[in-house]
Protein backbone atom coordinates (compact mmCIF):
# COMPACT_ATOMS: atom_id res chain seq x y z
CA MET A 1 10.36 28.00 -10.23
CA GLU A 2 13.34 27.42 -7.81
CA LEU A 3 11.94 29.01 -5.88
CA PHE A 4 8.05 27.19 -5.18
CA SER A 5 10.13 23.97 -5.60
CA GLN A 6 11.51 24.96 -1.79
CA ALA A 7 7.83 25.52 -0.70
CA LYS A 8 7.60 22.37 1.74
CA ASN A 9 4.69 23.25 3.35
CA TRP A 10 2.46 23.69 0.56
CA LYS A 11 4.12 20.88 -1.21
CA ASP A 12 4.00 18.76 2.14
CA TYR A 13 0.59 19.95 2.78
CA LEU A 14 -0.56 18.71 -1.03
CA GLY A 15 0.83 15.34 -0.18
CA SER A 16 -0.84 14.59 2.74
CA ILE A 17 -4.39 14.85 0.71
CA LEU A 18 -3.07 13.82 -2.63
CA LYS A 19 -1.18 10.40 -1.25
CA ASP A 20 -3.56 8.11 -1.24
CA TYR A 21 -4.73 8.54 -4.72
CA LEU A 22 -0.99 8.33 -5.62
CA ARG A 23 -0.69 4.83 -6.59
CA GLY A 24 0.05 2.41 -9.67
CA ARG A 25 1.17 4.87 -13.16
CA VAL A 26 1.06 8.71 -12.37
CA LEU A 27 1.20 11.39 -14.77
CA GLU A 28 2.69 14.43 -13.36
CA VAL A 29 1.85 17.81 -16.34
CA GLY A 30 4.11 20.31 -16.05
CA ALA A 31 6.25 19.44 -14.21
CA GLY A 32 8.84 22.89 -14.30
CA ILE A 33 12.01 21.68 -12.36
CA GLY A 34 10.92 18.33 -10.85
CA GLY A 35 9.64 19.90 -7.02
CA THR A 36 6.24 17.69 -6.84
CA ALA A 37 8.03 14.61 -8.48
CA SER A 38 10.97 15.19 -5.44
CA THR A 39 8.37 16.17 -3.04
CA LEU A 40 5.64 13.68 -3.74
CA CYS A 41 6.67 10.84 -5.08
CA ASP A 42 7.75 8.03 -2.46
CA GLY A 43 8.11 4.68 -4.38
CA ALA A 44 4.26 4.03 -3.62
CA GLN A 45 4.27 5.02 -6.79
CA GLU A 46 4.50 1.92 -9.53
CA GLU A 47 5.38 4.51 -12.24
CA TRP A 48 5.89 8.45 -12.28
CA VAL A 49 5.67 9.66 -15.40
CA TRP A 50 6.69 13.67 -16.36
CA LEU A 51 5.26 15.75 -19.51
CA GLU A 52 7.06 19.25 -19.48
CA PRO A 53 6.66 21.28 -23.01
CA ASP A 54 9.02 23.09 -22.08
CA ARG A 55 12.95 21.68 -23.42
CA VAL A 56 15.20 23.32 -21.28
CA LEU A 57 13.18 22.43 -18.55
CA ALA A 58 12.30 18.41 -19.90
CA GLY A 59 16.34 18.70 -19.80
CA VAL A 60 16.81 19.27 -16.51
CA LEU A 61 14.12 16.25 -15.49
CA SER A 62 16.10 14.54 -17.05
CA SER A 63 19.25 15.56 -15.62
CA LYS A 64 18.09 15.05 -11.70
CA ILE A 65 17.06 11.93 -12.76
CA LYS A 66 19.94 10.73 -14.71
CA GLU A 67 21.94 12.03 -11.40
CA GLY A 68 19.63 10.09 -8.77
CA ASN A 69 18.39 13.30 -7.88
CA LEU A 70 14.44 12.66 -8.86
CA PRO A 71 12.63 8.51 -7.65
CA ARG A 72 13.67 5.65 -9.25
CA CYS A 73 9.88 5.00 -10.59
CA CYS A 74 10.27 8.52 -12.64
CA SER A 75 10.84 8.91 -16.51
CA GLY A 76 9.57 11.76 -18.84
CA ILE A 77 8.30 12.60 -22.23
CA GLN A 78 9.19 16.06 -23.32
CA GLY A 79 6.13 17.75 -24.89
CA VAL A 80 1.99 17.87 -24.31
CA ILE A 81 -0.81 15.32 -24.02
CA SER A 82 -1.25 15.10 -27.36
CA ASP A 83 2.08 13.52 -28.30
CA LEU A 84 1.90 10.84 -24.99
CA ALA A 85 0.66 7.38 -27.09
CA PRO A 86 -3.19 6.61 -26.66
CA ARG A 87 -2.48 3.00 -25.10
CA LEU A 88 -1.17 4.74 -21.73
CA LYS A 89 -3.01 4.71 -19.35
CA PHE A 90 -2.52 6.23 -15.65
CA ASP A 91 -3.87 5.83 -12.52
CA ALA A 92 -3.75 9.27 -11.38
CA ILE A 93 -2.89 12.45 -13.32
CA LEU A 94 -1.32 15.61 -11.67
CA TYR A 95 -1.99 19.24 -13.02
CA VAL A 96 -0.13 21.02 -9.94
CA ASP A 97 2.02 24.65 -10.27
CA VAL A 98 0.33 24.23 -13.83
CA LEU A 99 -1.80 27.54 -13.66
CA ALA A 100 -0.12 29.45 -11.89
CA HIS A 101 3.61 29.30 -14.00
CA ASP A 102 0.96 29.97 -17.05
CA ARG A 103 3.43 32.44 -19.29
CA SER A 104 1.37 33.67 -22.13
């Protein structure tokens, strides 16, 4: 994950395709260590919510937010889709790198 978080060309390319859709409230499923948010969350979003099932990785993400290493609009939830409140609505939902890092 650390190595792929540094894949700047890939993230920039992905951002060039998705940037017009990443407005309002964005949910990033399987946020890992925040590589996608740090590249694609550019302040145009009202809110960027990460959802990470791994407790250790969720801790890393929380630390990055506290340390100011992720944009201010970022917040997170440690869990899976079923842990989200049904009332939550998002303008975009991202599943970036989720299948590539499946451990099963």
